[in-house]
Amino acid sequence: MAHDHYFDYLRRVPLFADLDKHELEHVARTVTDLNLGAGREIIHEGAVAHEMVIVVDGTLEVTRGGEHVADIGPGGIAGEMALLVHGTRNSTVRAKTAVRALRISGDVFLRLLTDNPDCALHVMRELSTRVNAVNARLRTAVRDAETLRVQLREAQAKPGHGAPA
């Protein structure tokens, strides 16, 4: 993908929608292409973060502790959370299908957020949406676990169905 194509694509990605032409050109000059075959891992849980990616085509799968967390399609971003805290990756990300993506260095991303409050606000909103989704799944899991506990207690209370000795 040439510089002009990067620019054209990036301006359609919500994260970059509010950047002025000069800022967007700077980002477009710094990105690199990333082409992945299905199954290829690009982010490993526990690894130090140095970059993020934006999906152009295909789907990335996000797992944490081996459990599916999310899928990321075109226009979606992966790897930004660890960059924000200068930390390690909290998830593994691999190509669910063949993927074409753009790689952005952590330095460029952090400078972008520092210099562009609208961009930083978009990232905060995206992260808040993800946290809310995880919290909703946790609430459901807790309710399901409580239902199972009640069912187990009821089953154990029935004559002849007590806990094994």
N, C-alpha and C. Protein backbone atom coordinates (compact mmCIF):
# COMPACT_ATOMS: atom_id res chain seq x y z
N MET A 1 0.86 -1.17 0.00
CA MET A 1 0.00 0.00 0.00
C MET A 1 0.91 1.24 0.00
N ALA A 2 0.65 2.18 -0.87
CA ALA A 2 1.44 3.39 -0.97
C ALA A 2 0.97 4.42 0.05
N HIS A 3 1.80 5.43 0.27
CA HIS A 3 1.50 6.50 1.23
C HIS A 3 0.10 7.09 1.02
N ASP A 4 -0.26 7.38 -0.25
CA ASP A 4 -1.58 7.96 -0.54
C ASP A 4 -2.71 7.01 -0.15
N HIS A 5 -2.49 5.71 -0.36
CA HIS A 5 -3.51 4.73 0.02
C HIS A 5 -3.64 4.63 1.53
N TYR A 6 -2.50 4.70 2.23
CA TYR A 6 -2.55 4.71 3.70
C TYR A 6 -3.39 5.88 4.17
N PHE A 7 -3.10 7.05 3.61
CA PHE A 7 -3.82 8.27 3.99
C PHE A 7 -5.31 8.10 3.76
N ASP A 8 -5.68 7.64 2.56
CA ASP A 8 -7.10 7.47 2.22
C ASP A 8 -7.78 6.48 3.16
N TYR A 9 -7.09 5.39 3.48
CA TYR A 9 -7.70 4.40 4.37
C TYR A 9 -7.81 4.96 5.79
N LEU A 10 -6.74 5.53 6.30
CA LEU A 10 -6.72 6.01 7.69
C LEU A 10 -7.78 7.07 7.95
N ARG A 11 -8.05 7.92 6.99
CA ARG A 11 -9.05 8.96 7.24
C ARG A 11 -10.45 8.39 7.38
N ARG A 12 -10.67 7.13 6.98
CA ARG A 12 -11.98 6.48 7.15
C ARG A 12 -12.06 5.67 8.45
N VAL A 13 -10.95 5.55 9.17
CA VAL A 13 -10.93 4.82 10.43
C VAL A 13 -11.36 5.79 11.54
N PRO A 14 -12.38 5.44 12.34
CA PRO A 14 -12.89 6.36 13.35
C PRO A 14 -11.81 6.96 14.27
N LEU A 15 -10.81 6.18 14.61
CA LEU A 15 -9.76 6.67 15.50
C LEU A 15 -9.05 7.90 14.92
N PHE A 16 -8.97 7.97 13.60
CA PHE A 16 -8.22 9.05 12.95
C PHE A 16 -9.11 10.09 12.28
N ALA A 17 -10.41 9.95 12.39
CA ALA A 17 -11.36 10.79 11.66
C ALA A 17 -11.21 12.28 11.98
N ASP A 18 -10.82 12.62 13.18
CA ASP A 18 -10.75 14.03 13.56
C ASP A 18 -9.38 14.66 13.38
N LEU A 19 -8.43 13.90 12.82
CA LEU A 19 -7.09 14.45 12.61
C LEU A 19 -7.09 15.40 11.43
N ASP A 20 -6.28 16.46 11.52
CA ASP A 20 -6.15 17.33 10.35
C ASP A 20 -5.24 16.65 9.33
N LYS A 21 -5.20 17.22 8.14
CA LYS A 21 -4.47 16.60 7.03
C LYS A 21 -3.00 16.39 7.36
N HIS A 22 -2.37 17.36 7.99
CA HIS A 22 -0.94 17.26 8.33
C HIS A 22 -0.69 16.10 9.30
N GLU A 23 -1.53 16.00 10.34
CA GLU A 23 -1.37 14.92 11.33
C GLU A 23 -1.59 13.56 10.69
N LEU A 24 -2.62 13.47 9.85
CA LEU A 24 -2.92 12.21 9.19
C LEU A 24 -1.81 11.81 8.21
N GLU A 25 -1.25 12.78 7.53
CA GLU A 25 -0.12 12.48 6.64
C GLU A 25 1.07 11.95 7.41
N HIS A 26 1.30 12.51 8.60
CA HIS A 26 2.40 12.02 9.44
C HIS A 26 2.18 10.55 9.81
N VAL A 27 0.98 10.23 10.25
CA VAL A 27 0.68 8.84 10.60
C VAL A 27 0.83 7.95 9.37
N ALA A 28 0.31 8.39 8.23
CA ALA A 28 0.37 7.60 7.00
C ALA A 28 1.82 7.32 6.59
N ARG A 29 2.72 8.26 6.82
CA ARG A 29 4.13 8.06 6.47
C ARG A 29 4.81 7.05 7.39
N THR A 30 4.25 6.82 8.58
CA THR A 30 4.93 5.95 9.56
C THR A 30 4.40 4.52 9.58
N VAL A 31 3.23 4.26 9.00
CA VAL A 31 2.66 2.92 9.07
C VAL A 31 3.38 1.97 8.12
N THR A 32 3.31 0.69 8.45
CA THR A 32 3.85 -0.34 7.56
C THR A 32 2.78 -1.41 7.35
N ASP A 33 2.87 -2.08 6.21
CA ASP A 33 1.93 -3.16 5.89
C ASP A 33 2.23 -4.40 6.71
N LEU A 34 1.18 -5.13 7.00
CA LEU A 34 1.30 -6.39 7.70
C LEU A 34 0.31 -7.35 7.05
N ASN A 35 0.81 -8.43 6.47
CA ASN A 35 -0.05 -9.44 5.85
C ASN A 35 0.13 -10.74 6.62
N LEU A 36 -0.99 -11.29 7.10
CA LEU A 36 -0.96 -12.48 7.94
C LEU A 36 -1.81 -13.59 7.36
N GLY A 37 -1.30 -14.79 7.42
CA GLY A 37 -2.10 -15.95 7.08
C GLY A 37 -2.96 -16.33 8.27
N ALA A 38 -4.08 -16.99 8.00
CA ALA A 38 -4.97 -17.43 9.08
C ALA A 38 -4.19 -18.25 10.10
N GLY A 39 -4.41 -17.96 11.37
CA GLY A 39 -3.75 -18.67 12.46
C GLY A 39 -2.47 -18.02 12.95
N ARG A 40 -1.94 -17.06 12.22
CA ARG A 40 -0.67 -16.44 12.62
C ARG A 40 -0.89 -15.48 13.79
N GLU A 41 -0.07 -15.64 14.81
CA GLU A 41 -0.13 -14.79 16.00
C GLU A 41 0.65 -13.51 15.77
N ILE A 42 0.07 -12.37 16.16
CA ILE A 42 0.80 -11.10 16.03
C ILE A 42 1.04 -10.43 17.37
N ILE A 43 0.24 -10.77 18.37
CA ILE A 43 0.41 -10.23 19.72
C ILE A 43 0.33 -11.41 20.67
N HIS A 44 1.31 -11.50 21.56
CA HIS A 44 1.36 -12.62 22.50
C HIS A 44 1.14 -12.11 23.92
N GLU A 45 0.18 -12.72 24.60
CA GLU A 45 -0.14 -12.36 25.98
C GLU A 45 1.14 -12.41 26.82
N GLY A 46 1.42 -11.33 27.54
CA GLY A 46 2.59 -11.25 28.40
C GLY A 46 3.80 -10.60 27.76
N ALA A 47 3.79 -10.41 26.43
CA ALA A 47 4.91 -9.78 25.74
C ALA A 47 4.89 -8.26 25.96
N VAL A 48 6.05 -7.64 25.86
CA VAL A 48 6.15 -6.19 25.98
C VAL A 48 5.56 -5.55 24.73
N ALA A 49 4.82 -4.46 24.91
CA ALA A 49 4.15 -3.78 23.80
C ALA A 49 5.05 -2.75 23.14
N HIS A 50 5.09 -2.79 21.79
CA HIS A 50 5.86 -1.81 21.03
C HIS A 50 5.07 -1.19 19.89
N GLU A 51 3.91 -1.79 19.56
CA GLU A 51 3.16 -1.34 18.39
C GLU A 51 1.70 -1.74 18.52
N MET A 52 0.91 -1.19 17.61
CA MET A 52 -0.50 -1.55 17.51
C MET A 52 -0.81 -1.79 16.04
N VAL A 53 -1.96 -2.37 15.76
CA VAL A 53 -2.34 -2.61 14.37
C VAL A 53 -3.78 -2.15 14.13
N ILE A 54 -4.03 -1.81 12.87
CA ILE A 54 -5.37 -1.47 12.40
C ILE A 54 -5.71 -2.46 11.31
N VAL A 55 -6.83 -3.14 11.46
CA VAL A 55 -7.24 -4.13 10.47
C VAL A 55 -7.77 -3.44 9.23
N VAL A 56 -7.24 -3.82 8.08
CA VAL A 56 -7.72 -3.32 6.79
C VAL A 56 -8.71 -4.32 6.21
N ASP A 57 -8.30 -5.58 6.13
CA ASP A 57 -9.15 -6.67 5.63
C ASP A 57 -8.96 -7.89 6.52
N GLY A 58 -10.02 -8.67 6.68
CA GLY A 58 -9.93 -9.90 7.45
C GLY A 58 -10.37 -9.70 8.89
N THR A 59 -10.12 -10.74 9.70
CA THR A 59 -10.57 -10.73 11.09
C THR A 59 -9.47 -11.23 12.00
N LEU A 60 -9.23 -10.50 13.08
CA LEU A 60 -8.32 -10.93 14.14
C LEU A 60 -9.15 -11.52 15.27
N GLU A 61 -8.60 -12.52 15.94
CA GLU A 61 -9.25 -13.12 17.10
C GLU A 61 -8.42 -12.78 18.34
N VAL A 62 -9.10 -12.32 19.38
CA VAL A 62 -8.46 -11.96 20.64
C VAL A 62 -8.80 -13.02 21.68
N THR A 63 -7.76 -13.56 22.33
CA THR A 63 -7.98 -14.52 23.42
C THR A 63 -7.20 -14.06 24.65
N ARG A 64 -7.72 -14.44 25.81
CA ARG A 64 -7.05 -14.14 27.08
C ARG A 64 -7.10 -15.41 27.90
N GLY A 65 -5.94 -15.90 28.30
CA GLY A 65 -5.89 -17.14 29.05
C GLY A 65 -6.47 -18.29 28.25
N GLY A 66 -6.36 -18.22 26.94
CA GLY A 66 -6.87 -19.28 26.07
C GLY A 66 -8.36 -19.18 25.77
N GLU A 67 -9.05 -18.23 26.37
CA GLU A 67 -10.50 -18.06 26.15
C GLU A 67 -10.75 -16.95 25.14
N HIS A 68 -11.70 -17.19 24.22
CA HIS A 68 -12.07 -16.19 23.23
C HIS A 68 -12.64 -14.94 23.91
N VAL A 69 -12.14 -13.78 23.53
CA VAL A 69 -12.61 -12.51 24.11
C VAL A 69 -13.36 -11.69 23.07
N ALA A 70 -12.81 -11.61 21.85
CA ALA A 70 -13.43 -10.76 20.83
C ALA A 70 -12.85 -11.07 19.46
N ASP A 71 -13.54 -10.58 18.45
CA ASP A 71 -13.04 -10.58 17.09
C ASP A 71 -12.92 -9.11 16.67
N ILE A 72 -11.92 -8.81 15.85
CA ILE A 72 -11.70 -7.45 15.39
C ILE A 72 -11.68 -7.47 13.86
N GLY A 73 -12.57 -6.69 13.26
CA GLY A 73 -12.67 -6.64 11.82
C GLY A 73 -12.11 -5.36 11.25
N PRO A 74 -12.34 -5.11 9.98
CA PRO A 74 -11.82 -3.93 9.30
C PRO A 74 -12.14 -2.63 10.03
N GLY A 75 -11.11 -1.79 10.18
CA GLY A 75 -11.24 -0.52 10.89
C GLY A 75 -10.98 -0.65 12.37
N GLY A 76 -10.96 -1.89 12.89
CA GLY A 76 -10.71 -2.11 14.30
C GLY A 76 -9.23 -2.05 14.63
N ILE A 77 -8.93 -1.81 15.89
CA ILE A 77 -7.55 -1.70 16.33
C ILE A 77 -7.24 -2.76 17.38
N ALA A 78 -5.98 -3.15 17.42
CA ALA A 78 -5.52 -4.13 18.41
C ALA A 78 -4.15 -3.71 18.90
N GLY A 79 -3.92 -3.91 20.19
CA GLY A 79 -2.60 -3.67 20.75
C GLY A 79 -2.41 -2.33 21.40
N GLU A 80 -3.44 -1.50 21.38
CA GLU A 80 -3.28 -0.15 21.90
C GLU A 80 -3.29 -0.08 23.43
N MET A 81 -3.97 -1.02 24.08
CA MET A 81 -4.11 -0.94 25.54
C MET A 81 -2.77 -1.03 26.26
N ALA A 82 -1.95 -1.97 25.88
CA ALA A 82 -0.65 -2.11 26.53
C ALA A 82 0.25 -0.91 26.25
N LEU A 83 0.08 -0.30 25.08
CA LEU A 83 0.86 0.91 24.78
C LEU A 83 0.51 2.04 25.72
N LEU A 84 -0.78 2.14 26.07
CA LEU A 84 -1.23 3.23 26.94
C LEU A 84 -0.63 3.15 28.33
N VAL A 85 -0.34 1.95 28.79
CA VAL A 85 0.20 1.79 30.15
C VAL A 85 1.67 1.39 30.14
N HIS A 86 2.29 1.46 28.96
CA HIS A 86 3.71 1.08 28.83
C HIS A 86 3.94 -0.29 29.45
N GLY A 87 3.07 -1.21 29.15
CA GLY A 87 3.14 -2.50 29.80
C GLY A 87 3.21 -3.67 28.85
N THR A 88 2.76 -4.80 29.40
CA THR A 88 2.78 -6.04 28.63
C THR A 88 1.38 -6.32 28.09
N ARG A 89 1.33 -7.15 27.10
CA ARG A 89 0.07 -7.51 26.45
C ARG A 89 -0.80 -8.32 27.39
N ASN A 90 -2.09 -7.99 27.46
CA ASN A 90 -3.00 -8.73 28.32
C ASN A 90 -3.79 -9.78 27.54
N SER A 91 -3.54 -9.86 26.23
CA SER A 91 -4.25 -10.81 25.37
C SER A 91 -3.33 -11.30 24.27
N THR A 92 -3.74 -12.40 23.67
CA THR A 92 -3.09 -12.89 22.46
C THR A 92 -4.00 -12.55 21.30
N VAL A 93 -3.40 -12.10 20.20
CA VAL A 93 -4.17 -11.76 19.01
C VAL A 93 -3.57 -12.52 17.84
N ARG A 94 -4.44 -13.22 17.13
CA ARG A 94 -3.99 -13.96 15.94
C ARG A 94 -5.00 -13.76 14.82
N ALA A 95 -4.54 -14.00 13.61
CA ALA A 95 -5.39 -13.86 12.44
C ALA A 95 -6.40 -15.02 12.43
N LYS A 96 -7.66 -14.68 12.46
CA LYS A 96 -8.72 -15.69 12.36
C LYS A 96 -8.91 -16.08 10.89
N THR A 97 -8.71 -15.12 10.02
CA THR A 97 -8.73 -15.33 8.57
C THR A 97 -7.44 -14.70 8.04
N ALA A 98 -7.23 -14.74 6.75
CA ALA A 98 -6.13 -13.96 6.19
C ALA A 98 -6.40 -12.49 6.53
N VAL A 99 -5.37 -11.79 6.97
CA VAL A 99 -5.54 -10.41 7.43
C VAL A 99 -4.52 -9.51 6.76
N ARG A 100 -5.01 -8.36 6.34
CA ARG A 100 -4.13 -7.27 5.92
C ARG A 100 -4.34 -6.16 6.93
N ALA A 101 -3.25 -5.66 7.51
CA ALA A 101 -3.33 -4.66 8.56
C ALA A 101 -2.24 -3.62 8.38
N LEU A 102 -2.37 -2.55 9.12
CA LEU A 102 -1.36 -1.50 9.17
C LEU A 102 -0.77 -1.49 10.57
N ARG A 103 0.55 -1.47 10.62
CA ARG A 103 1.26 -1.47 11.90
C ARG A 103 1.69 -0.03 12.21
N ILE A 104 1.40 0.41 13.45
CA ILE A 104 1.79 1.74 13.91
C ILE A 104 2.64 1.58 15.16
N SER A 105 3.77 2.26 15.18
CA SER A 105 4.65 2.15 16.35
C SER A 105 4.00 2.78 17.57
N GLY A 106 4.39 2.31 18.72
CA GLY A 106 3.87 2.84 19.98
C GLY A 106 4.19 4.31 20.15
N ASP A 107 5.38 4.72 19.75
CA ASP A 107 5.76 6.13 19.88
C ASP A 107 4.84 7.04 19.07
N VAL A 108 4.55 6.63 17.83
CA VAL A 108 3.67 7.43 16.97
C VAL A 108 2.27 7.48 17.59
N PHE A 109 1.77 6.35 18.05
CA PHE A 109 0.43 6.30 18.63
C PHE A 109 0.33 7.18 19.87
N LEU A 110 1.29 7.09 20.77
CA LEU A 110 1.24 7.89 22.00
C LEU A 110 1.38 9.38 21.70
N ARG A 111 2.22 9.74 20.76
CA ARG A 111 2.37 11.14 20.36
C ARG A 111 1.06 11.64 19.76
N LEU A 112 0.40 10.79 18.97
CA LEU A 112 -0.88 11.13 18.36
C LEU A 112 -1.92 11.46 19.44
N LEU A 113 -1.99 10.63 20.47
CA LEU A 113 -2.95 10.85 21.55
C LEU A 113 -2.62 12.10 22.36
N THR A 114 -1.35 12.32 22.59
CA THR A 114 -0.92 13.49 23.36
C THR A 114 -1.25 14.78 22.63
N ASP A 115 -1.07 14.77 21.31
CA ASP A 115 -1.28 15.98 20.51
C ASP A 115 -2.72 16.19 20.05
N ASN A 116 -3.57 15.17 20.20
CA ASN A 116 -4.93 15.24 19.65
C ASN A 116 -5.97 14.77 20.66
N PRO A 117 -6.51 15.70 21.45
CA PRO A 117 -7.50 15.32 22.46
C PRO A 117 -8.70 14.56 21.89
N ASP A 118 -9.15 14.91 20.69
CA ASP A 118 -10.31 14.20 20.10
C ASP A 118 -9.97 12.74 19.84
N CYS A 119 -8.75 12.49 19.39
CA CYS A 119 -8.30 11.13 19.14
C CYS A 119 -8.20 10.37 20.46
N ALA A 120 -7.65 11.03 21.48
CA ALA A 120 -7.54 10.41 22.80
C ALA A 120 -8.92 10.10 23.36
N LEU A 121 -9.87 10.99 23.17
CA LEU A 121 -11.24 10.77 23.65
C LEU A 121 -11.86 9.58 22.94
N HIS A 122 -11.62 9.45 21.65
CA HIS A 122 -12.15 8.29 20.91
C HIS A 122 -11.59 6.99 21.49
N VAL A 123 -10.30 6.96 21.77
CA VAL A 123 -9.68 5.76 22.34
C VAL A 123 -10.29 5.46 23.71
N MET A 124 -10.48 6.49 24.54
CA MET A 124 -11.09 6.28 25.86
C MET A 124 -12.50 5.72 25.72
N ARG A 125 -13.26 6.23 24.77
CA ARG A 125 -14.63 5.72 24.57
C ARG A 125 -14.61 4.27 24.12
N GLU A 126 -13.68 3.94 23.20
CA GLU A 126 -13.57 2.56 22.73
C GLU A 126 -13.20 1.63 23.88
N LEU A 127 -12.25 2.03 24.69
CA LEU A 127 -11.84 1.20 25.83
C LEU A 127 -12.96 1.07 26.85
N SER A 128 -13.70 2.14 27.08
CA SER A 128 -14.84 2.08 28.01
C SER A 128 -15.90 1.11 27.50
N THR A 129 -16.15 1.12 26.20
CA THR A 129 -17.11 0.20 25.61
C THR A 129 -16.66 -1.24 25.84
N ARG A 130 -15.36 -1.50 25.65
CA ARG A 130 -14.84 -2.85 25.87
C ARG A 130 -14.96 -3.27 27.33
N VAL A 131 -14.65 -2.36 28.26
CA VAL A 131 -14.76 -2.67 29.69
C VAL A 131 -16.21 -2.97 30.04
N ASN A 132 -17.13 -2.18 29.52
CA ASN A 132 -18.55 -2.43 29.79
C ASN A 132 -18.99 -3.79 29.27
N ALA A 133 -18.51 -4.18 28.11
CA ALA A 133 -18.87 -5.49 27.54
C ALA A 133 -18.32 -6.61 28.42
N VAL A 134 -17.09 -6.47 28.89
CA VAL A 134 -16.49 -7.49 29.77
C VAL A 134 -17.26 -7.55 31.07
N ASN A 135 -17.62 -6.41 31.63
CA ASN A 135 -18.39 -6.39 32.87
C ASN A 135 -19.74 -7.08 32.70
N ALA A 136 -20.39 -6.87 31.57
CA ALA A 136 -21.67 -7.53 31.31
C ALA A 136 -21.49 -9.04 31.25
N ARG A 137 -20.41 -9.51 30.58
CA ARG A 137 -20.16 -10.95 30.53
C ARG A 137 -19.87 -11.50 31.92
N LEU A 138 -19.16 -10.74 32.74
CA LEU A 138 -18.87 -11.19 34.11
C LEU A 138 -20.14 -11.29 34.94
N ARG A 139 -21.02 -10.29 34.80
CA ARG A 139 -22.29 -10.34 35.54
C ARG A 139 -23.09 -11.58 35.15
N THR A 140 -23.12 -11.89 33.86
CA THR A 140 -23.83 -13.08 33.38
C THR A 140 -23.19 -14.34 33.94
N ALA A 141 -21.88 -14.40 33.95
CA ALA A 141 -21.18 -15.58 34.48
C ALA A 141 -21.46 -15.76 35.97
N VAL A 142 -21.48 -14.66 36.71
CA VAL A 142 -21.77 -14.74 38.15
C VAL A 142 -23.20 -15.23 38.37
N ARG A 143 -24.16 -14.71 37.61
CA ARG A 143 -25.56 -15.17 37.73
C ARG A 143 -25.67 -16.65 37.40
N ASP A 144 -24.98 -17.07 36.33
CA ASP A 144 -25.01 -18.48 35.94
C ASP A 144 -24.40 -19.36 37.02
N ALA A 145 -23.31 -18.92 37.62
CA ALA A 145 -22.67 -19.69 38.69
C ALA A 145 -23.59 -19.78 39.90
N GLU A 146 -24.28 -18.70 40.25
CA GLU A 146 -25.20 -18.73 41.38
C GLU A 146 -26.37 -19.67 41.09
N THR A 147 -26.89 -19.67 39.88
CA THR A 147 -27.96 -20.59 39.50
C THR A 147 -27.50 -22.04 39.66
N LEU A 148 -26.29 -22.34 39.23
CA LEU A 148 -25.75 -23.69 39.37
C LEU A 148 -25.59 -24.07 40.84
N ARG A 149 -25.14 -23.12 41.68
CA ARG A 149 -25.00 -23.41 43.12
C ARG A 149 -26.36 -23.76 43.74
N VAL A 150 -27.38 -22.99 43.36
CA VAL A 150 -28.73 -23.24 43.89
C VAL A 150 -29.21 -24.61 43.43
N GLN A 151 -29.01 -24.92 42.16
CA GLN A 151 -29.43 -26.22 41.64
C GLN A 151 -28.68 -27.36 42.32
N LEU A 152 -27.42 -27.18 42.58
CA LEU A 152 -26.63 -28.20 43.27
C LEU A 152 -27.14 -28.41 44.69
N ARG A 153 -27.40 -27.31 45.41
CA ARG A 153 -27.93 -27.43 46.78
C ARG A 153 -29.28 -28.14 46.77
N GLU A 154 -30.14 -27.80 45.84
CA GLU A 154 -31.45 -28.46 45.76
C GLU A 154 -31.31 -29.94 45.45
N ALA A 155 -30.41 -30.27 44.55
CA ALA A 155 -30.20 -31.68 44.19
C ALA A 155 -29.64 -32.44 45.39
N GLN A 156 -28.75 -31.83 46.15
CA GLN A 156 -28.15 -32.50 47.31
C GLN A 156 -29.15 -32.65 48.44
N ALA A 157 -30.16 -31.77 48.49
CA ALA A 157 -31.16 -31.82 49.56
C ALA A 157 -32.21 -32.92 49.32
N LYS A 158 -32.32 -33.42 48.11
CA LYS A 158 -33.29 -34.47 47.81
C LYS A 158 -32.82 -35.78 48.45
N PRO A 159 -33.75 -36.56 49.01
CA PRO A 159 -33.35 -37.81 49.64
C PRO A 159 -32.64 -38.74 48.63
N GLY A 160 -31.55 -39.33 49.09
CA GLY A 160 -30.81 -40.27 48.26
C GLY A 160 -29.90 -39.58 47.27
N HIS A 161 -29.82 -38.27 47.28
CA HIS A 161 -28.97 -37.54 46.33
C HIS A 161 -27.95 -36.68 47.05
N GLY A 162 -27.62 -37.03 48.23
CA GLY A 162 -26.62 -36.26 49.01
C GLY A 162 -25.25 -36.38 48.39
N ALA A 163 -24.37 -35.65 48.95
CA ALA A 163 -22.96 -35.69 48.48
C ALA A 163 -22.39 -37.05 48.76
N PRO A 164 -21.55 -37.55 47.86
CA PRO A 164 -20.95 -38.86 48.10
C PRO A 164 -20.10 -38.86 49.36
N ALA A 165 -20.05 -40.01 50.01
CA ALA A 165 -19.30 -40.13 51.26
C ALA A 165 -17.83 -40.36 51.00
